Protein backbone atom coordinates (compact mmCIF):
# COMPACT_ATOMS: atom_id res chain seq x y z
CA MET A 1 -147.56 -78.85 -210.56
CA ARG A 2 -146.07 -82.17 -211.51
CA ARG A 3 -147.20 -84.83 -213.99
CA ILE A 4 -147.40 -88.42 -212.83
CA GLN A 5 -148.39 -90.99 -215.46
CA GLY A 6 -150.15 -88.34 -217.53
CA THR A 7 -152.14 -86.94 -214.60
CA VAL A 8 -151.66 -83.45 -213.21
CA VAL A 9 -150.94 -83.56 -209.50
CA ASP A 10 -150.71 -80.53 -207.25
CA ILE A 11 -147.73 -80.63 -204.93
CA VAL A 12 -148.68 -78.98 -201.65
CA THR A 13 -145.84 -77.73 -199.54
CA MET A 14 -146.15 -76.64 -195.96
CA ASP A 15 -144.11 -73.47 -195.68
CA LEU A 16 -144.59 -73.07 -191.94
CA SER A 17 -141.93 -72.22 -189.42
CA ILE A 18 -141.94 -73.79 -185.97
CA PHE A 19 -143.47 -70.52 -184.74
CA ASP A 20 -146.34 -70.79 -187.26
CA ALA A 21 -146.90 -74.48 -186.56
CA PHE A 22 -146.90 -74.17 -182.76
CA PRO A 23 -148.04 -70.63 -181.85
CA ASN A 24 -149.20 -71.70 -178.38
CA ALA A 25 -145.69 -72.96 -177.58
CA ILE A 26 -144.07 -69.53 -177.98
CA ILE A 27 -142.73 -68.24 -174.67
CA SER A 28 -142.38 -64.47 -174.33
CA GLY A 29 -140.99 -62.28 -171.55
CA ILE A 30 -138.83 -64.95 -169.90
CA TRP A 31 -135.71 -65.42 -172.03
CA GLU A 32 -133.11 -62.78 -172.93
CA ILE A 33 -129.83 -62.86 -174.83
CA GLY A 34 -126.69 -61.06 -173.83
CA SER A 35 -123.01 -60.87 -174.56
CA PHE A 36 -120.91 -63.37 -172.66
CA GLN A 37 -117.38 -62.75 -171.49
CA HIS A 38 -115.83 -66.09 -170.57
CA GLY A 39 -113.44 -66.46 -167.66
CA THR A 40 -112.66 -62.84 -166.84
CA VAL A 41 -110.59 -62.13 -163.72
CA ILE A 42 -113.79 -62.14 -161.68
CA GLY A 43 -115.53 -64.92 -163.67
CA ASN A 44 -118.10 -65.17 -166.47
CA GLN A 45 -120.03 -61.97 -167.14
CA PHE A 46 -123.39 -61.38 -168.84
CA THR A 47 -124.59 -58.12 -170.43
CA LYS A 48 -128.22 -58.11 -171.59
CA LEU A 49 -128.88 -57.16 -175.22
CA ASN A 50 -132.44 -58.17 -176.12
CA ASP A 51 -135.54 -60.05 -175.00
CA LEU A 52 -136.41 -63.21 -176.97
CA ASP A 53 -139.56 -65.04 -177.97
CA VAL A 54 -138.71 -68.75 -178.04
CA VAL A 55 -140.02 -72.26 -178.36
CA VAL A 56 -138.35 -74.54 -175.83
CA ASP A 57 -137.77 -78.22 -176.49
CA GLU A 58 -139.14 -79.67 -173.28
CA GLY A 59 -136.82 -82.67 -173.39
CA GLN A 60 -133.46 -82.35 -171.75
CA SER A 61 -130.49 -84.66 -171.58
CA SER A 62 -128.12 -85.05 -168.70
CA VAL A 63 -124.85 -86.80 -168.13
CA VAL A 64 -122.77 -87.34 -165.03
CA ASN A 65 -119.22 -86.81 -166.21
CA THR A 66 -116.93 -85.92 -163.33
CA THR A 67 -115.88 -87.06 -159.89
CA PRO A 68 -117.28 -85.81 -157.63
CA GLU A 69 -120.42 -86.06 -159.70
CA ALA A 70 -121.42 -82.86 -161.47
CA LEU A 71 -124.64 -82.93 -163.45
CA ASN A 72 -124.54 -81.19 -166.83
CA SER A 73 -127.95 -80.61 -168.41
CA ASP A 74 -128.69 -79.09 -171.78
CA ILE A 75 -131.78 -77.64 -173.44
CA LEU A 76 -132.74 -76.83 -177.04
CA ILE A 77 -134.63 -73.67 -177.94
CA TYR A 78 -135.81 -72.12 -181.19
CA VAL A 79 -135.42 -68.35 -181.66
CA TYR A 80 -136.64 -65.82 -184.23
CA PRO A 81 -133.62 -64.79 -186.34
CA CYS A 82 -134.63 -61.10 -186.20
CA GLN A 83 -134.25 -61.05 -182.40
CA LEU A 84 -130.62 -62.16 -182.39
CA PRO A 85 -127.62 -59.81 -182.57
CA THR A 86 -126.10 -61.97 -185.34
CA LEU A 87 -126.89 -65.02 -187.47
CA ASP A 88 -123.24 -66.06 -187.47
CA THR A 89 -123.36 -69.39 -185.62
CA ASN A 90 -119.70 -69.17 -184.62
CA ALA A 91 -120.26 -65.74 -183.07
CA LEU A 92 -123.37 -66.96 -181.23
CA VAL A 93 -121.47 -69.86 -179.67
CA SER A 94 -118.38 -67.87 -178.76
CA GLY A 95 -119.80 -64.56 -177.59
CA TYR A 96 -123.39 -64.82 -176.36
CA MET A 97 -125.47 -66.53 -173.69
CA LEU A 98 -129.10 -66.69 -172.60
CA HIS A 99 -130.76 -65.87 -169.32
CA ASN A 100 -134.05 -67.31 -168.10
CA LYS A 101 -135.52 -64.55 -165.93
CA GLU A 102 -138.14 -66.82 -164.40
CA SER A 103 -135.63 -69.31 -162.95
CA ASP A 104 -132.73 -66.82 -162.90
CA SER A 105 -130.63 -69.39 -164.76
CA TYR A 106 -127.84 -68.55 -167.21
CA TYR A 107 -127.01 -70.70 -170.22
CA GLU A 108 -124.00 -70.87 -172.54
CA ILE A 109 -124.78 -71.48 -176.19
CA ILE A 110 -122.85 -74.65 -176.98
CA ASP A 111 -124.31 -75.28 -180.45
CA ALA A 112 -126.14 -73.09 -182.95
CA GLY A 113 -127.89 -74.12 -186.14
CA ILE A 114 -129.73 -72.22 -188.85
CA GLY A 115 -133.21 -73.56 -189.68
CA LYS A 116 -134.00 -72.74 -193.31
CA ASN A 117 -137.13 -73.34 -195.32
CA GLN A 118 -136.04 -76.00 -197.81
CA HIS A 119 -138.30 -74.60 -200.54
CA THR A 120 -137.46 -70.89 -200.30
CA GLY A 121 -134.06 -70.83 -198.58
CA TYR A 122 -135.46 -68.32 -196.07
CA THR A 123 -134.05 -68.55 -192.54
CA GLU A 124 -137.06 -69.33 -190.35
CA HIS A 125 -135.47 -69.99 -186.98
CA ILE A 126 -132.20 -70.45 -185.16
CA GLU A 127 -131.72 -73.54 -183.00
CA LEU A 128 -129.65 -72.98 -179.87
CA LYS A 129 -128.43 -75.81 -177.67
CA LEU A 130 -127.78 -74.46 -174.19
CA LEU A 131 -125.79 -75.60 -171.19
CA GLN A 132 -126.46 -74.08 -167.79
CA THR A 133 -123.59 -72.03 -166.37
CA GLU A 134 -122.85 -69.43 -163.74
CA VAL A 135 -122.08 -65.73 -164.00
CA THR A 136 -120.52 -63.35 -161.52
CA ASN A 137 -122.81 -60.41 -162.19
CA GLY A 138 -126.21 -62.16 -162.16
CA GLU A 139 -128.88 -60.18 -160.39
């Protein structure tokens, strides 16, 4: 409680994660995380580690940045921390990638952020910015 001009006011905080706030947006059974070996002799390789339940940011951005034109698109997803092999954002970016089983698309993690509850300090979600890539051992 907090006093404002002699009046007692209840401060209501919304301690909801993105998963609590948007339960119908959670996608299960489509995304998986795996270790990512960059640029091996035969190319990029993916090894599945775990299935993920995610919320996908439906907006994507694209930029044409090479000649001939190559389109690079990215996507932002939110993941439960307990489903990841690590919460070390540097390790996530350097050693892991995601696979969308529905579209059979592979994505490098190019940015990782920790979403914490500002009142409790509890890690509620991990934000992963993804860039589509190719692998040599995709099925």
